[in-house]
Amino acid sequence: MNQSIIWEDGEQIDYGEIRSLEAALDITFPDDYVQVIKNNNGAIPTPPNFNIENHGYNIMFMLLSVRENDTEYGLMSVYKRINRFLPNKVYPFACDGFGNYICFDYRRGREPIVVFWDHEEVLDDQEYQLFFIASSFGEFTRKFYNRKEYIDS
């Protein structure tokens, strides 16, 4: 798996905007996520591919923006649109471009795991729509790979 991600088309933001969103959600983002988002708000990763346990592979289209006024791809805007389909303490931070979201899951404590929310698997049982990806944001980013290189090897 590729451990070197290039973040494209993102923007730099200050800690105040990140802390404001944390306060609104009553969470603390993982430090490694904060380090990425402060220089790459709304960025697109290259390579974008990652595997989802028991669900196959997917791509990450982009990090959601933490800016308060971003509507379509703003973390808070997305959360307000989909939170009725998510368990408590699960927050989207990235999307795959197909209506699905990569989320932080804080249900086990202050350090979230990373899960995939599949909008096509929304049922009465909210647990069913979440698929484990990684134990941390850092582990998640280390799972990115170039699918063509993976297939060719």
N, C-alpha and C. Protein backbone atom coordinates (compact mmCIF):
# COMPACT_ATOMS: atom_id res chain seq x y z
N MET A 1 0.83 -1.18 0.00
CA MET A 1 0.00 0.00 0.00
C MET A 1 0.89 1.25 0.00
N ASN A 2 0.38 2.28 -0.65
CA ASN A 2 1.12 3.53 -0.80
C ASN A 2 1.00 4.37 0.46
N GLN A 3 2.13 4.79 1.01
CA GLN A 3 2.10 5.60 2.22
C GLN A 3 2.29 7.09 1.92
N SER A 4 2.46 7.44 0.66
CA SER A 4 2.69 8.83 0.28
C SER A 4 1.48 9.37 -0.46
N ILE A 5 0.73 10.23 0.19
CA ILE A 5 -0.47 10.80 -0.40
C ILE A 5 -0.16 12.23 -0.84
N ILE A 6 -0.59 12.57 -2.03
CA ILE A 6 -0.53 13.95 -2.50
C ILE A 6 -1.94 14.51 -2.37
N TRP A 7 -2.08 15.59 -1.64
CA TRP A 7 -3.38 16.24 -1.45
C TRP A 7 -3.46 17.39 -2.44
N GLU A 8 -4.48 17.37 -3.31
CA GLU A 8 -4.62 18.37 -4.35
C GLU A 8 -5.88 19.21 -4.18
N ASP A 9 -5.79 20.45 -4.64
CA ASP A 9 -6.92 21.38 -4.69
C ASP A 9 -7.53 21.70 -3.33
N GLY A 10 -6.74 21.59 -2.29
CA GLY A 10 -7.21 21.95 -0.96
C GLY A 10 -6.80 23.38 -0.63
N GLU A 11 -7.22 23.82 0.52
CA GLU A 11 -6.88 25.17 0.96
C GLU A 11 -6.38 25.13 2.40
N GLN A 12 -5.62 26.14 2.75
CA GLN A 12 -5.11 26.25 4.10
C GLN A 12 -6.16 26.95 4.97
N ILE A 13 -6.33 26.46 6.17
CA ILE A 13 -7.25 27.07 7.12
C ILE A 13 -6.54 27.19 8.46
N ASP A 14 -7.11 28.00 9.35
CA ASP A 14 -6.47 28.15 10.65
C ASP A 14 -7.13 27.25 11.69
N TYR A 15 -6.40 27.06 12.78
CA TYR A 15 -6.89 26.18 13.84
C TYR A 15 -8.23 26.65 14.40
N GLY A 16 -8.49 27.94 14.37
CA GLY A 16 -9.74 28.47 14.91
C GLY A 16 -10.96 27.86 14.24
N GLU A 17 -10.90 27.69 12.92
CA GLU A 17 -12.03 27.11 12.20
C GLU A 17 -12.21 25.63 12.57
N ILE A 18 -11.10 24.94 12.74
CA ILE A 18 -11.17 23.53 13.14
C ILE A 18 -11.74 23.42 14.55
N ARG A 19 -11.22 24.22 15.46
CA ARG A 19 -11.68 24.19 16.86
C ARG A 19 -13.14 24.58 16.99
N SER A 20 -13.60 25.51 16.16
CA SER A 20 -14.99 25.92 16.17
C SER A 20 -15.92 24.77 15.80
N LEU A 21 -15.53 24.00 14.78
CA LEU A 21 -16.32 22.85 14.38
C LEU A 21 -16.30 21.77 15.46
N GLU A 22 -15.13 21.55 16.05
CA GLU A 22 -15.04 20.58 17.15
C GLU A 22 -15.99 20.96 18.28
N ALA A 23 -16.02 22.24 18.61
CA ALA A 23 -16.90 22.71 19.69
C ALA A 23 -18.37 22.50 19.33
N ALA A 24 -18.73 22.78 18.09
CA ALA A 24 -20.12 22.61 17.65
C ALA A 24 -20.56 21.15 17.71
N LEU A 25 -19.63 20.23 17.43
CA LEU A 25 -19.94 18.79 17.44
C LEU A 25 -19.65 18.13 18.78
N ASP A 26 -18.99 18.87 19.68
CA ASP A 26 -18.58 18.36 20.99
C ASP A 26 -17.65 17.14 20.86
N ILE A 27 -16.65 17.29 19.98
CA ILE A 27 -15.65 16.25 19.77
C ILE A 27 -14.28 16.90 19.66
N THR A 28 -13.24 16.10 19.67
CA THR A 28 -11.88 16.54 19.36
C THR A 28 -11.39 15.66 18.23
N PHE A 29 -11.03 16.30 17.10
CA PHE A 29 -10.52 15.54 15.96
C PHE A 29 -9.16 14.95 16.30
N PRO A 30 -8.83 13.82 15.69
CA PRO A 30 -7.49 13.24 15.88
C PRO A 30 -6.41 14.22 15.40
N ASP A 31 -5.28 14.25 16.09
CA ASP A 31 -4.19 15.17 15.74
C ASP A 31 -3.71 14.99 14.31
N ASP A 32 -3.59 13.74 13.84
CA ASP A 32 -3.10 13.53 12.47
C ASP A 32 -4.09 14.05 11.43
N TYR A 33 -5.39 13.98 11.71
CA TYR A 33 -6.39 14.57 10.82
C TYR A 33 -6.25 16.09 10.81
N VAL A 34 -6.09 16.69 11.98
CA VAL A 34 -5.93 18.14 12.08
C VAL A 34 -4.71 18.60 11.29
N GLN A 35 -3.62 17.86 11.38
CA GLN A 35 -2.40 18.22 10.64
C GLN A 35 -2.65 18.18 9.13
N VAL A 36 -3.45 17.24 8.66
CA VAL A 36 -3.75 17.15 7.23
C VAL A 36 -4.73 18.25 6.82
N ILE A 37 -5.82 18.40 7.56
CA ILE A 37 -6.89 19.31 7.15
C ILE A 37 -6.46 20.78 7.22
N LYS A 38 -5.55 21.14 8.12
CA LYS A 38 -5.18 22.56 8.24
C LYS A 38 -4.50 23.08 6.98
N ASN A 39 -3.86 22.20 6.22
CA ASN A 39 -3.21 22.61 4.97
C ASN A 39 -3.92 22.08 3.72
N ASN A 40 -4.95 21.26 3.92
CA ASN A 40 -5.59 20.58 2.78
C ASN A 40 -7.11 20.52 2.92
N ASN A 41 -7.72 21.57 3.41
CA ASN A 41 -9.16 21.60 3.59
C ASN A 41 -9.86 21.38 2.25
N GLY A 42 -10.71 20.36 2.17
CA GLY A 42 -11.44 20.07 0.94
C GLY A 42 -10.61 19.42 -0.15
N ALA A 43 -9.45 18.89 0.19
CA ALA A 43 -8.51 18.36 -0.80
C ALA A 43 -8.92 16.98 -1.33
N ILE A 44 -8.35 16.67 -2.50
CA ILE A 44 -8.53 15.39 -3.18
C ILE A 44 -7.24 14.59 -3.04
N PRO A 45 -7.31 13.33 -2.56
CA PRO A 45 -6.09 12.54 -2.39
C PRO A 45 -5.66 11.79 -3.66
N THR A 46 -4.37 11.67 -3.83
CA THR A 46 -3.80 10.81 -4.86
C THR A 46 -2.70 9.99 -4.21
N PRO A 47 -2.78 8.68 -4.23
CA PRO A 47 -3.82 7.86 -4.85
C PRO A 47 -5.09 7.86 -4.00
N PRO A 48 -6.24 7.59 -4.61
CA PRO A 48 -7.51 7.67 -3.88
C PRO A 48 -8.09 6.35 -3.42
N ASN A 49 -7.49 5.23 -3.75
CA ASN A 49 -8.10 3.92 -3.49
C ASN A 49 -7.79 3.38 -2.10
N PHE A 50 -8.77 2.71 -1.52
CA PHE A 50 -8.60 2.05 -0.22
C PHE A 50 -9.56 0.87 -0.17
N ASN A 51 -9.26 -0.09 0.69
CA ASN A 51 -10.13 -1.26 0.85
C ASN A 51 -11.01 -1.10 2.08
N ILE A 52 -12.20 -1.69 1.98
CA ILE A 52 -13.15 -1.70 3.08
C ILE A 52 -13.37 -3.15 3.48
N GLU A 53 -13.11 -3.43 4.74
CA GLU A 53 -13.26 -4.80 5.24
C GLU A 53 -14.65 -5.34 4.94
N ASN A 54 -14.72 -6.51 4.31
CA ASN A 54 -15.99 -7.18 3.96
C ASN A 54 -16.87 -6.36 3.02
N HIS A 55 -16.27 -5.45 2.25
CA HIS A 55 -17.09 -4.59 1.38
C HIS A 55 -16.37 -4.25 0.08
N GLY A 56 -15.14 -4.70 -0.12
CA GLY A 56 -14.42 -4.44 -1.36
C GLY A 56 -13.60 -3.16 -1.31
N TYR A 57 -13.32 -2.61 -2.47
CA TYR A 57 -12.51 -1.40 -2.52
C TYR A 57 -13.37 -0.19 -2.86
N ASN A 58 -12.84 0.98 -2.61
CA ASN A 58 -13.54 2.22 -2.92
C ASN A 58 -12.50 3.30 -3.17
N ILE A 59 -12.98 4.48 -3.50
CA ILE A 59 -12.10 5.64 -3.66
C ILE A 59 -12.56 6.74 -2.73
N MET A 60 -11.61 7.57 -2.33
CA MET A 60 -11.97 8.76 -1.57
C MET A 60 -11.94 9.92 -2.54
N PHE A 61 -13.07 10.56 -2.75
CA PHE A 61 -13.15 11.70 -3.66
C PHE A 61 -12.50 12.93 -3.05
N MET A 62 -12.88 13.26 -1.81
CA MET A 62 -12.31 14.45 -1.19
C MET A 62 -12.58 14.49 0.31
N LEU A 63 -11.73 15.28 0.99
CA LEU A 63 -11.98 15.62 2.39
C LEU A 63 -13.10 16.64 2.43
N LEU A 64 -14.02 16.49 3.36
CA LEU A 64 -15.05 17.51 3.53
C LEU A 64 -14.42 18.76 4.13
N SER A 65 -14.96 19.90 3.77
CA SER A 65 -14.44 21.17 4.27
C SER A 65 -14.91 21.42 5.70
N VAL A 66 -14.03 21.95 6.52
CA VAL A 66 -14.42 22.30 7.89
C VAL A 66 -14.85 23.76 7.99
N ARG A 67 -14.84 24.49 6.88
CA ARG A 67 -15.29 25.89 6.90
C ARG A 67 -16.79 25.94 7.18
N GLU A 68 -17.17 26.85 8.03
CA GLU A 68 -18.55 26.97 8.47
C GLU A 68 -19.51 27.28 7.32
N ASN A 69 -19.08 28.06 6.34
CA ASN A 69 -19.99 28.49 5.28
C ASN A 69 -20.01 27.58 4.06
N ASP A 70 -19.25 26.48 4.05
CA ASP A 70 -19.29 25.55 2.93
C ASP A 70 -20.55 24.70 3.03
N THR A 71 -21.31 24.68 1.97
CA THR A 71 -22.60 23.98 2.04
C THR A 71 -22.58 22.59 1.43
N GLU A 72 -22.27 22.46 0.15
CA GLU A 72 -22.39 21.15 -0.50
C GLU A 72 -21.42 20.12 0.08
N TYR A 73 -20.15 20.49 0.22
CA TYR A 73 -19.15 19.56 0.74
C TYR A 73 -18.57 20.02 2.07
N GLY A 74 -19.36 20.73 2.83
CA GLY A 74 -18.96 21.12 4.18
C GLY A 74 -19.30 20.03 5.17
N LEU A 75 -18.40 19.74 6.09
CA LEU A 75 -18.62 18.66 7.05
C LEU A 75 -19.91 18.87 7.83
N MET A 76 -20.13 20.07 8.34
CA MET A 76 -21.34 20.32 9.14
C MET A 76 -22.60 20.23 8.28
N SER A 77 -22.56 20.73 7.06
CA SER A 77 -23.73 20.65 6.17
C SER A 77 -24.07 19.19 5.85
N VAL A 78 -23.05 18.41 5.52
CA VAL A 78 -23.27 16.99 5.23
C VAL A 78 -23.81 16.29 6.47
N TYR A 79 -23.21 16.57 7.62
CA TYR A 79 -23.66 15.93 8.85
C TYR A 79 -25.15 16.24 9.12
N LYS A 80 -25.54 17.47 8.93
CA LYS A 80 -26.95 17.84 9.15
C LYS A 80 -27.88 17.11 8.18
N ARG A 81 -27.40 16.84 6.96
CA ARG A 81 -28.23 16.13 5.97
C ARG A 81 -28.37 14.65 6.27
N ILE A 82 -27.31 14.02 6.79
CA ILE A 82 -27.34 12.55 6.92
C ILE A 82 -27.38 12.05 8.36
N ASN A 83 -27.32 12.93 9.36
CA ASN A 83 -27.18 12.46 10.74
C ASN A 83 -28.34 11.59 11.20
N ARG A 84 -29.51 11.73 10.63
CA ARG A 84 -30.64 10.87 11.05
C ARG A 84 -30.42 9.41 10.64
N PHE A 85 -29.48 9.18 9.70
CA PHE A 85 -29.16 7.83 9.26
C PHE A 85 -27.93 7.26 9.96
N LEU A 86 -27.29 8.08 10.79
CA LEU A 86 -26.06 7.67 11.46
C LEU A 86 -26.31 7.43 12.94
N PRO A 87 -25.58 6.50 13.54
CA PRO A 87 -25.64 6.37 14.99
C PRO A 87 -25.06 7.63 15.64
N ASN A 88 -25.42 7.88 16.89
CA ASN A 88 -24.81 8.99 17.63
C ASN A 88 -23.30 8.82 17.65
N LYS A 89 -22.59 9.93 17.62
CA LYS A 89 -21.13 9.99 17.73
C LYS A 89 -20.41 9.47 16.47
N VAL A 90 -21.08 9.49 15.33
CA VAL A 90 -20.46 9.15 14.05
C VAL A 90 -20.58 10.38 13.15
N TYR A 91 -19.42 10.85 12.62
CA TYR A 91 -19.36 12.11 11.87
C TYR A 91 -18.60 11.93 10.57
N PRO A 92 -19.19 12.35 9.44
CA PRO A 92 -18.50 12.23 8.16
C PRO A 92 -17.33 13.22 8.08
N PHE A 93 -16.23 12.82 7.43
CA PHE A 93 -15.13 13.75 7.21
C PHE A 93 -14.63 13.71 5.77
N ALA A 94 -15.10 12.75 4.96
CA ALA A 94 -14.70 12.65 3.57
C ALA A 94 -15.82 11.94 2.80
N CYS A 95 -15.78 12.08 1.47
CA CYS A 95 -16.80 11.43 0.64
C CYS A 95 -16.14 10.66 -0.49
N ASP A 96 -16.92 9.74 -1.06
CA ASP A 96 -16.38 8.94 -2.16
C ASP A 96 -16.88 9.36 -3.52
N GLY A 97 -17.74 10.36 -3.60
CA GLY A 97 -18.27 10.82 -4.87
C GLY A 97 -19.50 10.07 -5.35
N PHE A 98 -19.94 9.06 -4.60
CA PHE A 98 -21.11 8.27 -4.97
C PHE A 98 -22.22 8.37 -3.93
N GLY A 99 -22.14 9.36 -3.05
CA GLY A 99 -23.15 9.54 -2.02
C GLY A 99 -22.85 8.84 -0.72
N ASN A 100 -21.66 8.25 -0.61
CA ASN A 100 -21.24 7.56 0.61
C ASN A 100 -20.20 8.41 1.33
N TYR A 101 -20.03 8.14 2.61
CA TYR A 101 -19.11 8.96 3.40
C TYR A 101 -18.17 8.12 4.25
N ILE A 102 -16.97 8.64 4.42
CA ILE A 102 -15.99 8.07 5.33
C ILE A 102 -16.15 8.87 6.62
N CYS A 103 -16.29 8.18 7.73
CA CYS A 103 -16.67 8.83 8.99
C CYS A 103 -15.72 8.49 10.14
N PHE A 104 -15.68 9.41 11.10
CA PHE A 104 -15.07 9.13 12.39
C PHE A 104 -16.16 8.55 13.28
N ASP A 105 -15.85 7.47 13.95
CA ASP A 105 -16.79 6.81 14.86
C ASP A 105 -16.24 6.93 16.28
N TYR A 106 -16.86 7.79 17.08
CA TYR A 106 -16.43 8.07 18.45
C TYR A 106 -17.17 7.24 19.49
N ARG A 107 -17.94 6.26 19.09
CA ARG A 107 -18.76 5.52 20.06
C ARG A 107 -17.93 4.73 21.07
N ARG A 108 -16.68 4.43 20.75
CA ARG A 108 -15.84 3.66 21.67
C ARG A 108 -14.97 4.54 22.55
N GLY A 109 -15.01 5.86 22.33
CA GLY A 109 -14.19 6.74 23.16
C GLY A 109 -13.71 7.97 22.41
N ARG A 110 -12.71 8.63 22.99
CA ARG A 110 -12.21 9.90 22.46
C ARG A 110 -11.39 9.75 21.18
N GLU A 111 -10.81 8.57 20.96
CA GLU A 111 -10.03 8.32 19.74
C GLU A 111 -10.90 7.53 18.77
N PRO A 112 -11.34 8.17 17.70
CA PRO A 112 -12.29 7.50 16.80
C PRO A 112 -11.64 6.48 15.89
N ILE A 113 -12.45 5.49 15.50
CA ILE A 113 -12.07 4.60 14.42
C ILE A 113 -12.63 5.21 13.14
N VAL A 114 -12.21 4.69 11.99
CA VAL A 114 -12.69 5.18 10.70
C VAL A 114 -13.60 4.13 10.10
N VAL A 115 -14.80 4.56 9.70
CA VAL A 115 -15.79 3.66 9.13
C VAL A 115 -16.33 4.24 7.82
N PHE A 116 -16.93 3.37 7.03
CA PHE A 116 -17.52 3.75 5.75
C PHE A 116 -19.03 3.66 5.90
N TRP A 117 -19.74 4.72 5.54
CA TRP A 117 -21.20 4.73 5.57
C TRP A 117 -21.70 4.60 4.15
N ASP A 118 -22.41 3.52 3.87
CA ASP A 118 -22.93 3.24 2.53
C ASP A 118 -24.40 3.65 2.49
N HIS A 119 -24.70 4.70 1.71
CA HIS A 119 -26.07 5.21 1.68
C HIS A 119 -27.05 4.22 1.05
N GLU A 120 -26.56 3.26 0.29
CA GLU A 120 -27.45 2.29 -0.33
C GLU A 120 -27.82 1.15 0.63
N GLU A 121 -27.18 1.11 1.78
CA GLU A 121 -27.45 0.05 2.74
C GLU A 121 -28.15 0.58 3.99
N VAL A 122 -28.84 1.70 3.84
CA VAL A 122 -29.55 2.29 4.97
C VAL A 122 -30.79 1.45 5.25
N LEU A 123 -30.78 0.85 6.41
CA LEU A 123 -31.90 0.04 6.86
C LEU A 123 -32.31 0.50 8.25
N ASP A 124 -33.21 -0.18 8.87
CA ASP A 124 -33.59 0.17 10.24
C ASP A 124 -32.42 -0.02 11.20
N ASP A 125 -31.57 -1.00 10.93
CA ASP A 125 -30.42 -1.28 11.78
C ASP A 125 -29.24 -0.42 11.33
N GLN A 126 -28.97 0.66 12.06
CA GLN A 126 -27.92 1.60 11.68
C GLN A 126 -26.54 0.95 11.66
N GLU A 127 -26.32 -0.07 12.43
CA GLU A 127 -25.03 -0.73 12.46
C GLU A 127 -24.71 -1.37 11.10
N TYR A 128 -25.72 -1.83 10.41
CA TYR A 128 -25.51 -2.55 9.16
C TYR A 128 -24.89 -1.68 8.08
N GLN A 129 -25.14 -0.41 8.09
CA GLN A 129 -24.64 0.46 7.04
C GLN A 129 -23.21 0.95 7.26
N LEU A 130 -22.62 0.67 8.39
CA LEU A 130 -21.26 1.08 8.69
C LEU A 130 -20.29 -0.08 8.50
N PHE A 131 -19.19 0.20 7.80
CA PHE A 131 -18.18 -0.82 7.54
C PHE A 131 -16.84 -0.32 8.06
N PHE A 132 -16.19 -1.12 8.85
CA PHE A 132 -14.90 -0.77 9.43
C PHE A 132 -13.86 -0.58 8.32
N ILE A 133 -13.05 0.51 8.46
CA ILE A 133 -11.93 0.73 7.54
C ILE A 133 -10.61 0.66 8.29
N ALA A 134 -10.50 1.43 9.39
CA ALA A 134 -9.21 1.49 10.08
C ALA A 134 -9.41 1.91 11.54
N SER A 135 -8.40 1.60 12.36
CA SER A 135 -8.45 1.93 13.78
C SER A 135 -8.14 3.39 14.07
N SER A 136 -7.61 4.11 13.06
CA SER A 136 -7.27 5.53 13.24
C SER A 136 -7.21 6.21 11.88
N PHE A 137 -7.18 7.54 11.89
CA PHE A 137 -7.04 8.29 10.64
C PHE A 137 -5.70 7.98 9.98
N GLY A 138 -4.63 7.92 10.78
CA GLY A 138 -3.31 7.60 10.24
C GLY A 138 -3.28 6.24 9.56
N GLU A 139 -3.88 5.24 10.20
CA GLU A 139 -3.94 3.91 9.60
C GLU A 139 -4.74 3.96 8.30
N PHE A 140 -5.82 4.72 8.29
CA PHE A 140 -6.64 4.86 7.09
C PHE A 140 -5.80 5.43 5.93
N THR A 141 -5.06 6.49 6.17
CA THR A 141 -4.29 7.10 5.08
C THR A 141 -3.15 6.18 4.60
N ARG A 142 -2.66 5.33 5.46
CA ARG A 142 -1.62 4.38 5.04
C ARG A 142 -2.18 3.26 4.16
N LYS A 143 -3.50 3.13 4.11
CA LYS A 143 -4.13 2.10 3.29
C LYS A 143 -4.38 2.54 1.85
N PHE A 144 -4.12 3.79 1.52
CA PHE A 144 -4.37 4.28 0.17
C PHE A 144 -3.40 3.64 -0.82
N TYR A 145 -3.89 3.35 -2.00
CA TYR A 145 -3.04 2.77 -3.03
C TYR A 145 -3.55 3.13 -4.41
N ASN A 146 -2.68 2.99 -5.39
CA ASN A 146 -3.03 3.20 -6.79
C ASN A 146 -3.59 1.88 -7.30
N ARG A 147 -4.83 1.84 -7.68
CA ARG A 147 -5.50 0.58 -8.08
C ARG A 147 -4.81 -0.05 -9.29
N LYS A 148 -4.37 0.74 -10.25
CA LYS A 148 -3.71 0.19 -11.42
C LYS A 148 -2.42 -0.54 -11.01
N GLU A 149 -1.63 0.07 -10.16
CA GLU A 149 -0.39 -0.58 -9.69
C GLU A 149 -0.72 -1.85 -8.92
N TYR A 150 -1.79 -1.82 -8.12
CA TYR A 150 -2.22 -2.96 -7.33
C TYR A 150 -2.63 -4.13 -8.23
N ILE A 151 -3.39 -3.82 -9.29
CA ILE A 151 -3.86 -4.85 -10.21
C ILE A 151 -2.70 -5.42 -11.02
N ASP A 152 -1.77 -4.55 -11.43
CA ASP A 152 -0.64 -4.98 -12.24
C ASP A 152 0.39 -5.80 -11.48
N SER A 153 0.38 -5.72 -10.13
CA SER A 153 1.41 -6.44 -9.37
C SER A 153 1.06 -7.88 -9.13
